[in-house]
Amino acid sequence: MELHNGDFDIIVLNSIDATLVHKNIASKNHNVCYEAKLLGINMEKLIKPKKVLCYVSPKQLIVKEMILKFIPKRLFTFRLCPSTKFHFLPESPTKMVEGLGGTFLIDDGCQPKIELTSKERNVIAATFTNFLLKNMGGSETFRDKQDFFYHEVRKYHQKHYHDKLSMKANREKLLESSMKVTKSFSVSDWCRNFEITFQGEQGVDWGGVRREWFELICSQLFDSRFGLFKSFYEGQQSLVHPNSHRPSHLKLRHFEFAGRIVGKCLYESALGGSYRQLVRARFTRSFLAQVIGLRVHYKYFEQDDPDLYLTKIKYLLENDIDCIDTELYFVEEEYDGGGQLLKTVELVPSGAKIKVTNVTKHRYLDALAQFRLATSVRDEVDAFLKGLNELIPDNLLSIFDENELELLLCGTGHYSIADFKANHVINGNSVEFRRIVGWFWAAVSNFTQEEMARLLQFTTGCSQLPPGGFKELSPRFQITAAPTFGNLPTAHTCFNQLCLPDYDSYEQFEKCLLLAISEGTEGFGMV
């Protein structure tokens, strides 16, 4: 058979390796680990190869080195998606004789490609590929991973007792009083069952006061009006991101405390039943990505900062930069909370001298995203992770993507189909599209709450509706005819717009819709 798809690598496994790969895929342990050596970064050889560990999960491939032989340090994180490519390099006779294993490159098109060598190269690549194929078939469910995560969290804290721990908080100074009383808490203390009393109030906490305390604490930590986190724009759908230009009384220790609160919520949820505690927040996708160790890039702007995306990012992507009169360089102006210019930052070394061109505009946009969404808040994110990882190991969170992490933290909510039908916009009036819209409502009427959350994530960028429901989405949820046939549905999160192609049958439509909302957002399948 003659193939016309260009150059590609074929993985041939012996029976032992094939058995090992099948075991990896079938295992409930969603993180498999193999030794390797890092040879080069971005096509530049290291002076001395570095011993590393490669962790492969259904969502990520993580490369870590061990500091002092027992402290893991994350070096690279690659999303498990079709855009992450393995390239096998020819094996030299010397390496084959010495048994050093096969050499390969990993490249996702967003971050520097890395060159590795490992005796288990074929197993690593085959495990990665099989996880990818399994994901694309939609066979791995969020519920399975959530159950596994909860089991592992309970196992991790099995030596810690969930006995009652009395706490007194000041409702008028809730955040500071709560931080003061928990200041000297050990991990064991954080795992105990908080019994909350508000100063000057009577009543026994049978769980209701504790839940109120969590709700109020989350509001003061994650509501942009309090300043620890900020929104890139005003509106009911705005998402919150760490605020590097926060009020002076808010310190990094507040982010560390916020991380512990989120970790506490996850631990309580792992215990199940009445202890389940959701995090009431609407986090940006780029922040959630950093929590699980993913590198951010410019496509996050569409969901996190839609105003910037529409006025700048989209314009640069769709236009010939070389023909624009205004010259653009690899720099970004940084402003404080009051809009005053603080400084001009070079996005790359000597960025003030490097002009943005059609060839380099994607590199510029990724550098811009790195600065605005990650580098500028690195201290805040690191402090948050320090608190979170005291209760929840980071390797457990890495089995989720950022959309699943939102569902894990915030839950799926409750969605009214009647509210949805009363508050949407249809763009398209052909006979064929009216049939598709009918199929859409038939499918949505049978959706689980998780599938509804996925649909909202896919179309609006967040699984949570504004307080007033669908009627407060701005713009309204739009269902639009796409000029294609048989393709996966796409979405424009800036406009809350779902684009539905035509299909031969309801079965084909439903399959494509479910696949799009569950897997299509990985790697930003939206357009």
Protein backbone atom coordinates (compact mmCIF):
# COMPACT_ATOMS: atom_id res chain seq x y z
CA MET A 1 0.00 0.00 0.00
CA GLU A 2 1.34 3.44 -0.92
CA LEU A 3 0.91 6.16 1.72
CA HIS A 4 0.85 9.87 0.92
CA ASN A 5 0.86 11.54 4.34
CA GLY A 6 4.54 12.52 4.42
CA ASP A 7 7.27 11.37 6.79
CA PHE A 8 6.27 9.55 9.96
CA ASP A 9 7.70 7.08 12.45
CA ILE A 10 6.46 3.52 12.93
CA ILE A 11 6.76 2.02 16.41
CA VAL A 12 7.45 -1.73 16.40
CA LEU A 13 7.11 -3.38 19.81
CA ASN A 14 8.32 -6.77 20.89
CA SER A 15 5.92 -8.92 22.87
CA ILE A 16 7.33 -7.82 26.25
CA ASP A 17 7.05 -4.11 25.45
CA ALA A 18 3.58 -4.56 23.93
CA THR A 19 2.39 -6.24 27.13
CA LEU A 20 3.85 -3.40 29.18
CA VAL A 21 2.11 -0.75 27.05
CA HIS A 22 -1.25 -2.53 27.36
CA LYS A 23 -0.71 -2.71 31.13
CA ASN A 24 0.02 1.04 31.25
CA ILE A 25 -3.14 1.90 29.35
CA ALA A 26 -5.37 -0.41 31.38
CA SER A 27 -3.90 0.56 34.76
CA LYS A 28 -5.91 2.71 37.14
CA ASN A 29 -2.62 4.39 38.09
CA HIS A 30 -2.82 7.29 35.65
CA ASN A 31 0.89 8.18 35.94
CA VAL A 32 3.58 5.83 34.57
CA CYS A 33 7.24 6.79 34.94
CA TYR A 34 10.41 5.96 32.99
CA GLU A 35 14.05 7.00 33.27
CA ALA A 36 15.65 9.00 30.47
CA LYS A 37 18.45 11.45 29.76
CA LEU A 38 17.93 14.99 28.50
CA LEU A 39 20.41 15.59 25.66
CA GLY A 40 19.36 18.95 24.26
CA ILE A 41 16.89 21.83 24.29
CA ASN A 42 15.73 23.65 21.17
CA MET A 43 18.28 21.79 19.03
CA GLU A 44 21.19 22.88 21.27
CA LYS A 45 23.08 20.03 22.91
CA LEU A 46 23.65 20.11 26.66
CA ILE A 47 27.28 20.02 27.74
CA LYS A 48 26.42 17.07 29.96
CA PRO A 49 23.30 14.89 29.56
CA LYS A 50 20.90 15.29 32.48
CA LYS A 51 19.16 12.36 34.17
CA VAL A 52 15.40 12.89 34.14
CA LEU A 53 12.14 11.05 34.73
CA CYS A 54 9.35 10.96 32.13
CA TYR A 55 5.83 10.75 33.57
CA VAL A 56 3.09 9.82 31.09
CA SER A 57 -0.57 10.31 32.01
CA PRO A 58 -3.75 10.41 29.88
CA LYS A 59 -3.45 14.21 29.70
CA GLN A 60 0.25 15.12 29.94
CA LEU A 61 3.84 14.04 29.53
CA ILE A 62 5.95 15.61 32.27
CA VAL A 63 9.76 15.65 32.38
CA LYS A 64 11.27 16.09 35.85
CA GLU A 65 14.75 16.03 37.32
CA MET A 66 15.50 14.97 40.87
CA ILE A 67 17.26 17.54 43.06
CA LEU A 68 19.39 15.91 45.77
CA LYS A 69 18.00 12.58 44.50
CA PHE A 70 14.59 12.98 46.15
CA ILE A 71 13.14 16.44 45.38
CA PRO A 72 11.35 16.43 41.99
CA LYS A 73 11.65 19.56 39.83
CA ARG A 74 9.37 19.92 36.83
CA LEU A 75 11.32 20.85 33.68
CA PHE A 76 8.81 20.44 30.85
CA THR A 77 5.12 19.65 30.49
CA PHE A 78 3.63 18.57 27.17
CA ARG A 79 -0.11 18.34 26.68
CA LEU A 80 -1.24 14.94 25.45
CA CYS A 81 -2.89 16.04 22.21
CA PRO A 82 -2.34 15.62 18.46
CA SER A 83 -0.15 18.74 18.28
CA THR A 84 2.49 17.13 20.53
CA LYS A 85 4.78 15.19 18.21
CA PHE A 86 7.39 12.48 18.78
CA HIS A 87 10.24 12.33 16.26
CA PHE A 88 12.60 9.36 16.39
CA LEU A 89 16.26 10.04 15.57
CA PRO A 90 18.56 7.49 13.90
CA GLU A 91 20.35 5.30 16.41
CA SER A 92 24.13 5.41 16.17
CA PRO A 93 26.05 2.10 16.18
CA THR A 94 27.87 3.24 19.34
CA LYS A 95 24.63 3.75 21.26
CA MET A 96 23.26 0.44 20.04
CA VAL A 97 26.38 -1.38 21.29
CA GLU A 98 26.38 0.48 24.62
CA GLY A 99 22.66 -0.12 25.12
CA LEU A 100 21.88 3.55 25.73
CA GLY A 101 18.48 3.29 24.10
CA GLY A 102 16.74 5.27 21.39
CA THR A 103 16.90 9.02 20.90
CA PHE A 104 13.80 11.09 20.21
CA LEU A 105 12.49 14.65 20.05
CA ILE A 106 9.29 15.94 21.66
CA ASP A 107 7.80 19.06 20.07
CA ASP A 108 4.41 20.68 20.68
CA GLY A 109 4.97 23.80 18.58
CA CYS A 110 4.55 26.08 21.61
CA GLN A 111 7.67 25.57 23.70
CA PRO A 112 11.29 24.56 23.03
CA LYS A 113 11.58 21.06 21.59
CA ILE A 114 13.62 18.67 23.71
CA GLU A 115 15.89 15.77 22.79
CA LEU A 116 15.87 12.70 25.03
CA THR A 117 17.30 9.22 25.05
CA SER A 118 15.85 6.25 26.91
CA LYS A 119 16.02 2.48 26.84
CA GLU A 120 12.23 2.64 27.11
CA ARG A 121 11.78 5.07 24.21
CA ASN A 122 9.39 2.83 22.30
CA VAL A 123 7.31 2.11 25.41
CA ILE A 124 7.10 5.82 26.28
CA ALA A 125 6.05 6.75 22.74
CA ALA A 126 3.60 3.86 22.41
CA THR A 127 2.03 4.59 25.81
CA PHE A 128 1.68 8.26 24.85
CA THR A 129 0.13 7.35 21.48
CA ASN A 130 -2.31 4.84 22.96
CA PHE A 131 -3.43 7.30 25.62
CA LEU A 132 -3.97 9.84 22.84
CA LEU A 133 -5.99 7.41 20.72
CA LYS A 134 -8.05 6.44 23.76
CA ASN A 135 -8.74 10.10 24.56
CA MET A 136 -9.75 10.91 21.02
CA GLY A 137 -12.22 8.06 21.11
CA GLY A 138 -13.84 9.64 24.16
CA SER A 139 -13.47 6.44 26.18
CA GLU A 140 -11.86 8.01 29.25
CA THR A 141 -14.35 9.74 31.51
CA PHE A 142 -13.89 12.58 33.93
CA ARG A 143 -15.86 10.61 36.51
CA ASP A 144 -13.35 7.74 36.45
CA LYS A 145 -10.45 10.10 36.97
CA GLN A 146 -12.30 11.98 39.69
CA ASP A 147 -12.95 8.71 41.56
CA PHE A 148 -9.29 7.73 41.17
CA PHE A 149 -8.17 11.17 42.38
CA TYR A 150 -10.40 11.03 45.46
CA HIS A 151 -9.15 7.52 46.27
CA GLU A 152 -5.52 8.63 46.02
CA VAL A 153 -6.13 11.73 48.16
CA ARG A 154 -7.72 9.60 50.89
CA LYS A 155 -4.82 7.18 50.64
CA TYR A 156 -2.27 10.02 50.80
CA HIS A 157 -3.82 11.34 54.03
CA GLN A 158 -4.76 8.00 55.58
CA LYS A 159 -2.59 8.71 58.64
CA HIS A 160 -4.41 11.98 59.31
CA TYR A 161 -7.59 11.90 61.37
CA HIS A 162 -10.76 13.81 60.47
CA ASP A 163 -11.69 14.53 64.07
CA LYS A 164 -13.22 17.88 65.02
CA LEU A 165 -11.11 21.00 65.37
CA SER A 166 -12.83 24.05 66.84
CA MET A 167 -12.14 27.38 65.14
CA LYS A 168 -13.40 30.87 65.95
CA ALA A 169 -13.58 33.49 63.20
CA ASN A 170 -14.53 37.16 63.13
CA ARG A 171 -17.23 37.72 60.52
CA GLU A 172 -16.23 41.40 60.15
CA LYS A 173 -12.55 40.52 59.62
CA LEU A 174 -13.07 37.07 58.18
CA LEU A 175 -9.97 36.65 56.03
CA GLU A 176 -7.40 37.98 58.48
CA SER A 177 -8.96 36.26 61.51
CA SER A 178 -9.10 32.93 59.63
CA MET A 179 -5.49 33.27 58.50
CA LYS A 180 -4.43 34.09 62.05
CA VAL A 181 -6.13 31.07 63.61
CA THR A 182 -4.71 28.68 60.97
CA LYS A 183 -1.23 30.26 60.86
CA SER A 184 0.45 27.49 62.86
CA PHE A 185 -1.65 24.62 61.48
CA SER A 186 0.17 21.49 60.37
CA VAL A 187 -0.98 19.35 57.45
CA SER A 188 -2.62 17.10 60.04
CA ASP A 189 -4.59 20.07 61.39
CA TRP A 190 -5.76 21.05 57.90
CA CYS A 191 -7.10 17.51 57.48
CA ARG A 192 -9.28 17.74 60.58
CA ASN A 193 -12.99 18.55 60.49
CA PHE A 194 -13.30 22.29 61.08
CA GLU A 195 -16.03 23.22 63.56
CA ILE A 196 -16.62 26.93 62.99
CA THR A 197 -17.95 29.52 65.42
CA PHE A 198 -18.36 33.18 64.50
CA GLN A 199 -17.45 35.60 67.29
CA GLY A 200 -20.51 37.01 69.05
CA GLU A 201 -22.87 34.45 67.48
CA GLN A 202 -24.49 31.47 69.13
CA GLY A 203 -25.17 28.14 67.52
CA VAL A 204 -23.75 24.68 67.05
CA ASP A 205 -21.95 23.85 63.82
CA TRP A 206 -23.51 20.70 62.38
CA GLY A 207 -21.96 21.47 59.02
CA GLY A 208 -23.96 24.49 57.92
CA VAL A 209 -21.72 27.08 59.59
CA ARG A 210 -18.63 25.37 58.15
CA ARG A 211 -20.10 25.51 54.64
CA GLU A 212 -20.97 29.19 55.12
CA TRP A 213 -17.39 29.87 56.25
CA PHE A 214 -16.00 28.19 53.12
CA GLU A 215 -18.38 30.21 50.92
CA LEU A 216 -17.42 33.52 52.55
CA ILE A 217 -13.68 32.75 52.51
CA CYS A 218 -13.76 31.79 48.82
CA SER A 219 -15.63 35.00 48.06
CA GLN A 220 -13.03 37.16 49.80
CA LEU A 221 -10.15 35.29 48.18
CA PHE A 222 -11.42 34.90 44.63
CA ASP A 223 -13.89 37.74 44.04
CA SER A 224 -12.10 40.42 42.01
CA ARG A 225 -13.72 43.16 44.11
CA PHE A 226 -11.42 42.23 47.02
CA GLY A 227 -8.23 42.59 44.96
CA LEU A 228 -6.26 39.37 45.49
CA PHE A 229 -7.43 38.14 42.10
CA LYS A 230 -8.44 40.40 39.20
CA SER A 231 -10.58 40.26 36.09
CA PHE A 232 -9.24 41.33 32.72
CA TYR A 233 -12.60 42.87 31.88
CA GLU A 234 -15.86 43.83 33.57
CA GLY A 235 -18.93 41.66 33.21
CA GLN A 236 -20.93 38.75 34.56
CA GLN A 237 -18.78 36.28 32.61
CA SER A 238 -15.39 37.66 33.63
CA LEU A 239 -12.84 35.16 34.95
CA VAL A 240 -10.34 35.83 37.75
CA HIS A 241 -6.55 35.73 37.56
CA PRO A 242 -3.86 36.34 40.22
CA ASN A 243 -3.31 40.07 40.71
CA SER A 244 0.34 41.18 40.80
CA HIS A 245 -0.74 44.82 41.33
CA ARG A 246 -3.01 44.08 44.27
CA PRO A 247 -3.64 46.39 47.25
CA SER A 248 -0.59 46.71 49.51
CA HIS A 249 -2.16 44.85 52.44
CA LEU A 250 -2.51 41.67 50.37
CA LYS A 251 0.74 39.67 50.42
CA LEU A 252 2.02 36.42 48.92
CA ARG A 253 0.98 34.67 52.13
CA HIS A 254 -2.63 35.36 51.10
CA PHE A 255 -2.07 33.35 47.90
CA GLU A 256 -0.50 30.57 49.95
CA PHE A 257 -3.56 30.57 52.20
CA ALA A 258 -5.81 30.52 49.10
CA GLY A 259 -3.95 27.43 47.89
CA ARG A 260 -4.50 25.70 51.23
CA ILE A 261 -8.21 26.54 51.14
CA VAL A 262 -8.52 24.98 47.67
CA GLY A 263 -6.54 21.96 48.86
CA LYS A 264 -8.83 21.68 51.90
CA CYS A 265 -11.90 21.79 49.64
CA LEU A 266 -10.48 19.00 47.48
CA TYR A 267 -9.65 16.91 50.54
CA GLU A 268 -13.13 17.37 52.02
CA SER A 269 -14.67 16.45 48.66
CA ALA A 270 -12.55 13.29 48.59
CA LEU A 271 -14.18 12.23 51.86
CA GLY A 272 -17.57 12.48 50.13
CA GLY A 273 -21.10 12.86 51.41
CA SER A 274 -21.91 15.98 53.40
CA TYR A 275 -18.23 16.91 53.56
CA ARG A 276 -18.06 17.68 49.84
CA GLN A 277 -16.96 21.28 49.42
CA LEU A 278 -16.85 23.15 46.09
CA VAL A 279 -14.66 26.16 45.34
CA ARG A 280 -16.82 29.14 44.40
CA ALA A 281 -14.65 30.85 41.80
CA ARG A 282 -14.42 31.47 38.05
CA PHE A 283 -10.72 31.01 37.31
CA THR A 284 -9.03 31.89 34.01
CA ARG A 285 -8.01 28.94 31.86
CA SER A 286 -4.39 30.13 31.89
CA PHE A 287 -4.31 30.06 35.71
CA LEU A 288 -5.81 26.56 35.80
CA ALA A 289 -3.25 25.49 33.18
CA GLN A 290 -0.42 26.72 35.40
CA VAL A 291 -1.85 24.87 38.39
CA ILE A 292 -1.42 21.58 36.49
CA GLY A 293 1.93 22.61 35.00
CA LEU A 294 0.96 23.46 31.42
CA ARG A 295 2.67 26.21 29.46
CA VAL A 296 0.36 29.06 28.47
CA HIS A 297 0.11 30.44 24.94
CA TYR A 298 -1.80 33.14 23.09
CA LYS A 299 -4.96 31.11 22.47
CA TYR A 300 -5.83 31.46 26.16
CA PHE A 301 -6.54 35.16 25.54
CA GLU A 302 -9.80 34.29 23.75
CA GLN A 303 -11.33 33.00 26.98
CA ASP A 304 -9.37 34.91 29.61
CA ASP A 305 -9.17 38.39 28.06
CA PRO A 306 -11.62 38.51 25.13
CA ASP A 307 -11.31 42.29 24.73
CA LEU A 308 -7.57 42.02 24.10
CA TYR A 309 -8.15 39.01 21.87
CA LEU A 310 -10.66 40.83 19.66
CA THR A 311 -8.81 44.15 19.47
CA LYS A 312 -5.23 42.92 19.12
CA ILE A 313 -4.59 39.17 18.98
CA LYS A 314 -7.21 38.35 16.34
CA TYR A 315 -6.18 41.39 14.27
CA LEU A 316 -2.52 40.35 14.21
CA LEU A 317 -3.41 36.77 13.33
CA GLU A 318 -5.68 37.71 10.43
CA ASN A 319 -3.70 40.56 8.87
CA ASP A 320 -0.41 41.05 7.05
CA ILE A 321 1.85 42.53 9.72
CA ASP A 322 4.43 43.60 7.15
CA CYS A 323 1.89 45.99 5.60
CA ILE A 324 0.90 47.74 8.84
CA ASP A 325 2.21 51.29 9.20
CA THR A 326 2.70 51.06 12.97
CA GLU A 327 5.87 49.17 13.88
CA LEU A 328 5.52 46.54 16.58
CA TYR A 329 8.41 45.20 18.65
CA PHE A 330 8.88 42.37 21.16
CA VAL A 331 8.02 44.61 24.12
CA GLU A 332 5.01 45.15 26.36
CA GLU A 333 4.03 48.10 28.51
CA GLU A 334 3.15 47.26 32.11
CA TYR A 335 0.60 49.36 34.01
CA ASP A 336 -0.44 49.45 37.65
CA GLY A 337 -4.00 49.01 38.92
CA GLY A 338 -4.69 52.70 38.35
CA GLY A 339 -3.65 52.64 34.71
CA GLN A 340 -0.29 54.36 35.23
CA LEU A 341 2.63 53.16 33.10
CA LEU A 342 5.17 51.38 35.28
CA LYS A 343 7.73 50.16 32.76
CA THR A 344 8.29 48.70 29.33
CA VAL A 345 9.24 45.03 29.40
CA GLU A 346 11.23 43.19 26.73
CA LEU A 347 9.41 39.94 25.94
CA VAL A 348 12.61 38.32 24.63
CA PRO A 349 16.28 39.32 25.00
CA SER A 350 16.87 42.60 23.11
CA GLY A 351 13.15 42.62 22.30
CA ALA A 352 13.12 46.41 21.87
CA LYS A 353 15.27 45.94 18.77
CA ILE A 354 13.34 43.01 17.27
CA LYS A 355 10.51 43.99 14.95
CA VAL A 356 7.44 41.76 14.73
CA THR A 357 6.87 40.37 11.22
CA ASN A 358 4.52 37.89 9.60
CA VAL A 359 7.15 35.22 10.20
CA THR A 360 7.60 36.03 13.88
CA LYS A 361 4.09 37.14 14.93
CA HIS A 362 3.13 33.78 16.46
CA ARG A 363 6.35 33.84 18.48
CA TYR A 364 5.50 37.39 19.58
CA LEU A 365 1.96 36.43 20.62
CA ASP A 366 3.21 33.46 22.64
CA ALA A 367 5.83 35.66 24.31
CA LEU A 368 3.08 38.19 25.07
CA ALA A 369 0.93 35.46 26.62
CA GLN A 370 3.86 34.18 28.67
CA PHE A 371 4.44 37.63 30.11
CA ARG A 372 0.85 38.79 30.68
CA LEU A 373 -0.60 35.48 31.88
CA ALA A 374 2.35 33.69 33.51
CA THR A 375 5.65 35.53 34.09
CA SER A 376 4.02 38.64 35.58
CA VAL A 377 2.23 36.51 38.22
CA ARG A 378 4.83 33.78 38.73
CA ASP A 379 5.41 34.62 42.41
CA GLU A 380 1.66 34.63 43.07
CA VAL A 381 1.11 31.30 41.30
CA ASP A 382 4.10 29.71 43.06
CA ALA A 383 2.76 30.84 46.45
CA PHE A 384 -0.69 29.44 45.62
CA LEU A 385 0.84 26.11 44.55
CA LYS A 386 2.94 25.94 47.71
CA GLY A 387 -0.23 26.03 49.79
CA LEU A 388 -2.19 23.72 47.50
CA ASN A 389 0.54 21.07 47.25
CA GLU A 390 0.84 20.82 51.03
CA LEU A 391 -2.48 18.98 50.88
CA ILE A 392 -2.70 17.75 47.27
CA PRO A 393 0.39 16.33 45.47
CA ASP A 394 0.86 17.96 42.07
CA ASN A 395 1.22 14.63 40.28
CA LEU A 396 -2.41 13.80 41.17
CA LEU A 397 -3.70 16.99 39.55
CA SER A 398 -1.72 16.34 36.36
CA ILE A 399 -4.17 13.64 35.24
CA PHE A 400 -6.69 16.41 34.49
CA ASP A 401 -6.73 19.08 31.80
CA GLU A 402 -7.67 22.64 32.75
CA ASN A 403 -11.36 22.17 31.89
CA GLU A 404 -11.58 19.03 34.02
CA LEU A 405 -9.77 20.83 36.83
CA GLU A 406 -12.51 23.46 36.84
CA LEU A 407 -15.14 20.71 37.11
CA LEU A 408 -13.16 19.06 39.92
CA LEU A 409 -12.88 22.32 41.87
CA CYS A 410 -16.17 24.01 41.12
CA GLY A 411 -18.56 21.18 40.27
CA THR A 412 -21.00 21.10 37.39
CA GLY A 413 -23.74 23.32 38.81
CA HIS A 414 -27.39 22.92 37.85
CA TYR A 415 -28.62 23.89 34.41
CA SER A 416 -32.21 24.47 33.30
CA ILE A 417 -33.02 23.37 29.76
CA ALA A 418 -36.13 25.58 29.89
CA ASP A 419 -33.92 28.58 30.75
CA PHE A 420 -31.55 27.61 27.93
CA LYS A 421 -34.36 27.35 25.36
CA ALA A 422 -35.77 30.71 26.45
CA ASN A 423 -32.44 32.53 26.23
CA HIS A 424 -30.47 31.77 23.07
CA VAL A 425 -30.06 33.07 19.53
CA ILE A 426 -30.33 31.03 16.30
CA ASN A 427 -28.23 32.17 13.32
CA GLY A 428 -29.43 30.29 10.24
CA ASN A 429 -32.83 29.44 8.79
CA SER A 430 -32.34 26.78 6.14
CA VAL A 431 -34.38 23.57 6.23
CA GLU A 432 -31.20 21.58 6.85
CA PHE A 433 -30.12 23.76 9.75
CA ARG A 434 -33.56 23.69 11.38
CA ARG A 435 -33.20 19.90 11.38
CA ILE A 436 -29.76 20.23 13.05
CA VAL A 437 -31.17 22.59 15.69
CA GLY A 438 -33.91 20.08 16.46
CA TRP A 439 -31.28 17.39 16.90
CA PHE A 440 -29.31 19.74 19.15
CA TRP A 441 -32.22 20.21 21.56
CA ALA A 442 -32.92 16.47 21.52
CA ALA A 443 -29.29 15.78 22.46
CA VAL A 444 -29.08 18.52 25.09
CA SER A 445 -32.31 17.34 26.73
CA ASN A 446 -30.57 14.04 27.44
CA PHE A 447 -27.29 15.57 28.62
CA THR A 448 -25.98 14.84 32.09
CA GLN A 449 -25.00 17.81 34.25
CA GLU A 450 -21.36 17.07 33.41
CA GLU A 451 -22.08 17.15 29.67
CA MET A 452 -23.93 20.46 30.07
CA ALA A 453 -20.90 21.84 31.91
CA ARG A 454 -18.68 20.66 29.06
CA LEU A 455 -20.95 22.34 26.50
CA LEU A 456 -20.73 25.62 28.41
CA GLN A 457 -16.95 25.33 28.74
CA PHE A 458 -16.65 24.67 25.03
CA THR A 459 -18.89 27.58 23.96
CA THR A 460 -18.44 30.26 26.64
CA GLY A 461 -15.09 29.38 28.21
CA CYS A 462 -16.48 28.54 31.65
CA SER A 463 -18.67 25.77 33.03
CA GLN A 464 -20.46 28.15 35.38
CA LEU A 465 -23.30 30.45 34.38
CA PRO A 466 -23.68 34.00 35.74
CA PRO A 467 -25.99 34.23 38.80
CA GLY A 468 -29.03 34.97 36.60
CA GLY A 469 -28.55 31.93 34.36
CA PHE A 470 -28.52 31.87 30.56
CA LYS A 471 -30.27 35.24 30.26
CA GLU A 472 -27.23 36.97 31.77
CA LEU A 473 -24.80 35.61 29.18
CA SER A 474 -23.54 38.55 27.14
CA PRO A 475 -23.75 38.10 24.25
CA ARG A 476 -26.50 35.47 24.35
CA PHE A 477 -25.66 31.83 23.66
CA GLN A 478 -25.60 31.64 19.85
CA ILE A 479 -26.28 28.51 17.78
CA THR A 480 -24.94 29.11 14.28
CA ALA A 481 -24.88 27.11 11.06
CA ALA A 482 -21.35 26.13 10.00
CA PRO A 483 -20.68 25.87 6.23
CA THR A 484 -19.22 22.36 6.53
CA PHE A 485 -20.47 18.79 6.50
CA GLY A 486 -19.57 16.03 8.95
CA ASN A 487 -16.89 18.01 10.80
CA LEU A 488 -16.73 18.48 14.55
CA PRO A 489 -18.66 21.48 15.92
CA THR A 490 -16.51 24.53 16.69
CA ALA A 491 -16.93 27.52 18.99
CA HIS A 492 -16.06 31.19 19.33
CA THR A 493 -15.89 31.79 23.08
CA CYS A 494 -15.60 35.56 22.62
CA PHE A 495 -19.13 35.55 21.19
CA ASN A 496 -20.59 32.58 23.13
CA GLN A 497 -21.12 31.05 19.70
CA LEU A 498 -21.53 27.36 18.88
CA CYS A 499 -21.13 26.48 15.19
CA LEU A 500 -22.89 23.29 14.05
CA PRO A 501 -22.09 21.63 10.69
CA ASP A 502 -24.59 19.52 8.77
CA TYR A 503 -24.80 15.73 9.25
CA ASP A 504 -26.44 12.72 7.64
CA SER A 505 -28.01 11.34 10.80
CA TYR A 506 -28.82 12.18 14.40
CA GLU A 507 -26.42 9.47 15.57
CA GLN A 508 -23.54 11.07 13.68
CA PHE A 509 -24.48 14.53 14.99
CA GLU A 510 -24.68 13.40 18.61
CA LYS A 511 -21.36 11.55 18.40
CA CYS A 512 -19.56 14.58 16.93
CA LEU A 513 -21.11 17.00 19.44
CA LEU A 514 -20.11 14.86 22.43
CA LEU A 515 -16.61 14.36 21.04
CA ALA A 516 -16.18 18.10 20.45
CA ILE A 517 -17.25 19.20 23.92
CA SER A 518 -15.28 16.47 25.71
CA GLU A 519 -12.06 16.43 23.69
CA GLY A 520 -12.28 19.26 21.17
CA THR A 521 -11.18 21.94 23.65
CA GLU A 522 -7.90 20.21 24.34
CA GLY A 523 -5.15 22.06 22.59
CA PHE A 524 -7.75 24.68 21.73
CA GLY A 525 -9.73 23.01 19.00
CA MET A 526 -11.93 26.11 18.93
CA VAL A 527 -11.47 28.54 16.06
